[in-house]
Amino acid sequence: MYADCAMRSPEELTDLFRANGRKVTPQRQCIFRALQDNRDHPSAEALFDAVRAEMETISLKTVYQTLHELSELGQVAALDLGTGMTRFDPNIESGHHHLVCRSCGKVRDLFVDYGDLSVPTASADGFQVSEVEVVFRGSCSDCAGGAARRALIPLRTDKTETVAAR
């Protein structure tokens, strides 16, 4: 299900930022490292929590700004997958779709070729479609497993009687 993550290395991102006249700071390099091989499609907040473990002084604003600049440079894709927050996908070089858990919001890449998936001209209603993204929603294995385990726990039964109002 997973291909190699196509995110550039922290060194390549450092060079790219410099080549485009952007500042390279220790905070940004920390963010680059956290994104390398990251398959979780983190939100800015989740990435902030991860990089604070390495660099306590980093700000959420720096994380947002760096993600915004990475997106402008085409190095991450900003995704609105209906999870309540923008998620960032560092895998921008391989065409893929997404699996989204309705319970916990986990997002995973799905590498499936659907051939020439397109909108029939008669149905396009004037739209000029430039890209196709398929999103499957359901339950991840953790949430599906949790639901199955909860189903095995016996429900509490009370032996009290219900008295109808007269």
Protein backbone atom coordinates (compact mmCIF):
# COMPACT_ATOMS: atom_id res chain seq x y z
CA MET A 1 0.00 0.00 0.00
CA TYR A 2 2.89 2.40 0.67
CA ALA A 3 5.38 3.44 -1.95
CA ASP A 4 8.56 5.19 -0.92
CA CYS A 5 7.70 8.61 0.44
CA ALA A 6 8.71 11.16 -2.19
CA MET A 7 9.56 13.98 0.23
CA ARG A 8 12.88 15.65 -0.46
CA SER A 9 15.57 15.26 2.16
CA PRO A 10 16.14 18.03 4.73
CA GLU A 11 19.36 18.90 2.90
CA GLU A 12 17.54 19.23 -0.44
CA LEU A 13 14.86 21.43 1.15
CA THR A 14 17.55 23.60 2.72
CA ASP A 15 19.16 24.06 -0.70
CA LEU A 16 15.77 24.74 -2.31
CA PHE A 17 14.88 27.39 0.27
CA ARG A 18 18.24 29.12 -0.19
CA ALA A 19 17.97 28.95 -4.00
CA ASN A 20 14.58 30.67 -3.74
CA GLY A 21 15.86 33.40 -1.42
CA ARG A 22 14.12 32.06 1.67
CA LYS A 23 15.60 31.99 5.14
CA VAL A 24 16.90 28.72 6.45
CA THR A 25 16.75 28.60 10.23
CA PRO A 26 17.33 25.81 12.75
CA GLN A 27 13.55 25.78 13.32
CA ARG A 28 12.85 25.21 9.61
CA GLN A 29 15.49 22.50 9.43
CA CYS A 30 13.79 20.81 12.39
CA ILE A 31 10.48 20.92 10.48
CA PHE A 32 12.17 19.50 7.37
CA ARG A 33 13.49 16.58 9.44
CA ALA A 34 10.06 15.93 10.96
CA LEU A 35 8.47 15.76 7.51
CA GLN A 36 11.04 13.39 6.04
CA ASP A 37 9.39 10.01 5.42
CA ASN A 38 6.30 11.20 7.33
CA ARG A 39 3.31 9.16 6.15
CA ASP A 40 0.84 10.58 8.69
CA HIS A 41 -0.30 13.64 6.70
CA PRO A 42 0.16 15.78 9.80
CA SER A 43 -1.77 18.93 10.59
CA ALA A 44 0.29 21.99 11.46
CA GLU A 45 -0.63 21.41 15.11
CA ALA A 46 0.50 17.75 15.06
CA LEU A 47 3.76 18.74 13.39
CA PHE A 48 4.22 21.50 15.97
CA ASP A 49 3.83 18.96 18.79
CA ALA A 50 6.37 16.66 17.11
CA VAL A 51 9.03 19.31 16.53
CA ARG A 52 8.65 20.80 20.02
CA ALA A 53 10.09 17.58 21.38
CA GLU A 54 13.33 18.49 19.59
CA MET A 55 13.12 22.27 19.81
CA GLU A 56 11.02 23.65 22.66
CA THR A 57 11.29 27.28 21.49
CA ILE A 58 9.67 26.75 18.09
CA SER A 59 6.39 28.56 17.54
CA LEU A 60 3.21 27.36 15.87
CA LYS A 61 3.45 30.42 13.60
CA THR A 62 6.85 29.21 12.34
CA VAL A 63 5.39 25.77 11.58
CA TYR A 64 2.44 27.30 9.67
CA GLN A 65 4.72 29.69 7.76
CA THR A 66 7.17 26.95 6.82
CA LEU A 67 4.37 24.63 5.66
CA HIS A 68 2.87 27.49 3.63
CA GLU A 69 6.24 28.14 1.96
CA LEU A 70 6.78 24.43 1.31
CA SER A 71 3.36 24.36 -0.33
CA GLU A 72 4.21 27.42 -2.46
CA LEU A 73 7.39 25.66 -3.59
CA GLY A 74 5.43 22.51 -4.45
CA GLN A 75 7.07 20.39 -1.74
CA VAL A 76 3.96 19.53 0.28
CA ALA A 77 0.32 19.34 -0.69
CA ALA A 78 -2.19 21.07 1.60
CA LEU A 79 -5.20 18.74 1.82
CA ASP A 80 -8.73 19.40 3.00
CA LEU A 81 -9.99 15.88 3.60
CA GLY A 82 -12.90 16.74 5.86
CA THR A 83 -11.01 15.95 9.07
CA GLY A 84 -11.60 19.45 10.47
CA MET A 85 -8.10 20.72 9.74
CA THR A 86 -5.73 21.07 6.82
CA ARG A 87 -3.41 18.11 6.53
CA PHE A 88 -0.03 18.28 4.81
CA ASP A 89 1.16 15.55 2.48
CA PRO A 90 4.90 15.46 1.83
CA ASN A 91 4.45 12.75 -0.82
CA ILE A 92 3.97 15.02 -3.82
CA GLU A 93 5.84 13.15 -6.54
CA SER A 94 3.88 9.92 -6.77
CA GLY A 95 0.26 10.04 -7.88
CA HIS A 96 -1.94 8.59 -5.20
CA HIS A 97 -5.28 8.84 -3.45
CA HIS A 98 -6.22 8.78 0.24
CA LEU A 99 -7.88 6.63 2.89
CA VAL A 100 -9.45 8.62 5.75
CA CYS A 101 -10.69 7.18 9.04
CA ARG A 102 -14.01 8.71 10.06
CA SER A 103 -13.35 7.97 13.74
CA CYS A 104 -9.82 9.18 14.46
CA GLY A 105 -8.98 11.19 11.32
CA LYS A 106 -5.98 9.03 10.34
CA VAL A 107 -4.99 9.59 6.69
CA ARG A 108 -3.01 7.13 4.59
CA ASP A 109 -1.82 7.15 0.99
CA LEU A 110 -3.47 4.73 -1.41
CA PHE A 111 -1.54 3.79 -4.54
CA VAL A 112 -4.12 2.60 -7.06
CA ASP A 113 -4.35 3.44 -10.75
CA TYR A 114 -7.92 4.16 -11.79
CA GLY A 115 -6.91 4.65 -15.42
CA ASP A 116 -8.46 7.57 -17.21
CA LEU A 117 -10.98 8.68 -14.59
CA SER A 118 -12.74 11.76 -15.96
CA VAL A 119 -15.96 13.74 -15.89
CA PRO A 120 -18.10 13.27 -19.01
CA THR A 121 -18.28 16.52 -20.99
CA ALA A 122 -22.09 16.61 -20.73
CA SER A 123 -21.86 16.47 -16.92
CA ALA A 124 -18.98 18.94 -16.46
CA ASP A 125 -21.32 21.95 -16.31
CA GLY A 126 -18.59 24.24 -17.63
CA PHE A 127 -15.89 23.00 -15.26
CA GLN A 128 -12.43 22.36 -16.64
CA VAL A 129 -11.12 19.57 -14.41
CA SER A 130 -7.36 19.71 -13.92
CA GLU A 131 -6.84 16.92 -11.40
CA VAL A 132 -8.64 13.98 -9.83
CA GLU A 133 -8.41 12.90 -6.22
CA VAL A 134 -10.25 9.90 -4.82
CA VAL A 135 -10.85 9.78 -1.06
CA PHE A 136 -12.12 6.63 0.60
CA ARG A 137 -13.64 7.01 4.07
CA GLY A 138 -14.16 4.31 6.63
CA SER A 139 -12.49 2.91 9.74
CA CYS A 140 -8.77 2.33 10.16
CA SER A 141 -7.63 -0.98 11.62
CA ASP A 142 -7.15 0.56 15.08
CA CYS A 143 -10.67 2.00 15.21
CA ALA A 144 -12.30 -1.02 13.57
CA GLY A 145 -10.46 -3.29 16.03
CA GLY A 146 -11.54 -1.12 18.95
CA ALA A 147 -15.17 -1.30 17.85
CA ALA A 148 -14.92 -5.08 17.57
CA ARG A 149 -13.39 -5.35 21.06
CA ARG A 150 -16.10 -3.09 22.52
CA ALA A 151 -18.76 -5.30 20.97
CA LEU A 152 -17.40 -8.25 22.96
CA ILE A 153 -17.76 -6.49 26.33
CA PRO A 154 -21.07 -7.50 27.90
CA LEU A 155 -23.50 -4.69 28.48
CA ARG A 156 -24.54 -3.93 32.04
CA THR A 157 -28.05 -5.09 32.74
CA ASP A 158 -30.07 -3.48 35.49
CA LYS A 159 -32.81 -5.52 37.12
CA THR A 160 -34.88 -2.50 38.03
CA GLU A 161 -38.36 -2.30 36.70
CA THR A 162 -39.69 0.61 34.79
CA VAL A 163 -42.94 1.89 36.20
CA ALA A 164 -45.22 3.48 33.66
CA ALA A 165 -46.81 6.79 34.61
CA ARG A 166 -50.53 6.45 35.17
